[in-house]
Amino acid sequence: MSAVSEIQAVLPRLTAEELQAVDAALRQQFRARKLGILYDDAYGLWTEEDQASAAAAAFALLDREEKRREPS
């Protein structure tokens, strides 16, 4: 089993505090490697993945609204 699979398998069993610690460790790795970080300040990181996810959610909302407004 790969390390990634092992990590994914244990995540559902972690407490909220443990998940926050994992998140902090991952973000620290991104900082150290300077991978995909668009913005990093006292409030936290904003990564390329965060940006893509936010854009996808916005476009999905726009698509739903456009379909809702289409004449029948």
C-alpha atoms as a PDB file:
ATOM      1  CA  MET A   1       0.000   0.000   0.000  1.00  0.00           C
ATOM      2  CA  SER A   2       1.337   3.429  -0.863  1.00  0.00           C
ATOM      3  CA  ALA A   3       1.864   6.155   1.703  1.00  0.00           C
ATOM      4  CA  VAL A   4      -0.907   8.201   0.082  1.00  0.00           C
ATOM      5  CA  SER A   5      -3.358   5.294   0.363  1.00  0.00           C
ATOM      6  CA  GLU A   6      -2.413   4.805   4.006  1.00  0.00           C
ATOM      7  CA  ILE A   7      -2.973   8.477   4.773  1.00  0.00           C
ATOM      8  CA  GLN A   8      -6.322   8.499   2.946  1.00  0.00           C
ATOM      9  CA  ALA A   9      -7.434   5.386   4.821  1.00  0.00           C
ATOM     10  CA  VAL A  10      -6.835   6.921   8.251  1.00  0.00           C
ATOM     11  CA  LEU A  11      -8.317  10.382   7.567  1.00  0.00           C
ATOM     12  CA  PRO A  12     -11.961   9.423   8.295  1.00  0.00           C
ATOM     13  CA  ARG A  13     -10.962   8.227  11.777  1.00  0.00           C
ATOM     14  CA  LEU A  14      -9.154  11.428  12.797  1.00  0.00           C
ATOM     15  CA  THR A  15     -10.660  13.986  15.146  1.00  0.00           C
ATOM     16  CA  ALA A  16     -11.247  17.550  14.006  1.00  0.00           C
ATOM     17  CA  GLU A  17      -8.120  18.639  15.871  1.00  0.00           C
ATOM     18  CA  GLU A  18      -6.049  15.910  14.207  1.00  0.00           C
ATOM     19  CA  LEU A  19      -7.391  16.894  10.782  1.00  0.00           C
ATOM     20  CA  GLN A  20      -6.399  20.496  11.474  1.00  0.00           C
ATOM     21  CA  ALA A  21      -2.903  19.333  12.387  1.00  0.00           C
ATOM     22  CA  VAL A  22      -2.683  17.336   9.138  1.00  0.00           C
ATOM     23  CA  ASP A  23      -3.894  20.370   7.173  1.00  0.00           C
ATOM     24  CA  ALA A  24      -1.287  22.575   8.838  1.00  0.00           C
ATOM     25  CA  ALA A  25       1.441  20.037   8.071  1.00  0.00           C
ATOM     26  CA  LEU A  26       0.398  19.832   4.415  1.00  0.00           C
ATOM     27  CA  ARG A  27       0.313  23.595   4.022  1.00  0.00           C
ATOM     28  CA  GLN A  28       3.745  23.820   5.646  1.00  0.00           C
ATOM     29  CA  GLN A  29       5.056  21.350   3.074  1.00  0.00           C
ATOM     30  CA  PHE A  30       3.608  23.485   0.270  1.00  0.00           C
ATOM     31  CA  ARG A  31       5.276  26.545   1.807  1.00  0.00           C
ATOM     32  CA  ALA A  32       8.614  24.788   2.154  1.00  0.00           C
ATOM     33  CA  ARG A  33       8.484  23.503  -1.418  1.00  0.00           C
ATOM     34  CA  LYS A  34       6.963  26.702  -2.798  1.00  0.00           C
ATOM     35  CA  LEU A  35       4.470  24.631  -4.777  1.00  0.00           C
ATOM     36  CA  GLY A  36       1.249  26.096  -6.086  1.00  0.00           C
ATOM     37  CA  ILE A  37       1.040  28.963  -3.610  1.00  0.00           C
ATOM     38  CA  LEU A  38      -0.654  32.029  -5.002  1.00  0.00           C
ATOM     39  CA  TYR A  39      -0.978  33.939  -1.732  1.00  0.00           C
ATOM     40  CA  ASP A  40       0.443  33.385   1.755  1.00  0.00           C
ATOM     41  CA  ASP A  41      -0.163  35.691   4.682  1.00  0.00           C
ATOM     42  CA  ALA A  42      -1.222  35.690   8.339  1.00  0.00           C
ATOM     43  CA  TYR A  43      -4.671  34.427   7.327  1.00  0.00           C
ATOM     44  CA  GLY A  44      -3.267  31.350   5.609  1.00  0.00           C
ATOM     45  CA  LEU A  45      -2.496  30.038   2.166  1.00  0.00           C
ATOM     46  CA  TRP A  46      -4.367  30.411  -1.092  1.00  0.00           C
ATOM     47  CA  THR A  47      -3.183  27.749  -3.521  1.00  0.00           C
ATOM     48  CA  GLU A  48      -3.751  27.046  -7.184  1.00  0.00           C
ATOM     49  CA  GLU A  49      -6.073  24.235  -6.088  1.00  0.00           C
ATOM     50  CA  ASP A  50      -8.084  26.637  -3.909  1.00  0.00           C
ATOM     51  CA  GLN A  51      -8.349  29.042  -6.845  1.00  0.00           C
ATOM     52  CA  ALA A  52      -9.472  26.325  -9.267  1.00  0.00           C
ATOM     53  CA  SER A  53     -12.021  25.003  -6.770  1.00  0.00           C
ATOM     54  CA  ALA A  54     -13.489  28.466  -6.147  1.00  0.00           C
ATOM     55  CA  ALA A  55     -13.671  29.152  -9.883  1.00  0.00           C
ATOM     56  CA  ALA A  56     -15.380  25.818 -10.562  1.00  0.00           C
ATOM     57  CA  ALA A  57     -17.957  26.502  -7.854  1.00  0.00           C
ATOM     58  CA  ALA A  58     -18.641  29.985  -9.237  1.00  0.00           C
ATOM     59  CA  PHE A  59     -19.030  28.721 -12.797  1.00  0.00           C
ATOM     60  CA  ALA A  60     -21.350  25.923 -11.647  1.00  0.00           C
ATOM     61  CA  LEU A  61     -23.530  28.491  -9.877  1.00  0.00           C
ATOM     62  CA  LEU A  62     -23.601  30.673 -12.984  1.00  0.00           C
ATOM     63  CA  ASP A  63     -24.499  27.682 -15.150  1.00  0.00           C
ATOM     64  CA  ARG A  64     -27.383  26.721 -12.833  1.00  0.00           C
ATOM     65  CA  GLU A  65     -28.683  30.288 -12.813  1.00  0.00           C
ATOM     66  CA  GLU A  66     -28.448  30.517 -16.589  1.00  0.00           C
ATOM     67  CA  LYS A  67     -30.427  27.278 -16.992  1.00  0.00           C
ATOM     68  CA  ARG A  68     -33.009  28.497 -14.475  1.00  0.00           C
ATOM     69  CA  ARG A  69     -33.550  31.678 -16.487  1.00  0.00           C
ATOM     70  CA  GLU A  70     -33.824  29.950 -19.869  1.00  0.00           C
ATOM     71  CA  PRO A  71     -37.278  30.330 -21.425  1.00  0.00           C
ATOM     72  CA  SER A  72     -39.301  27.111 -21.347  1.00  0.00           C
END
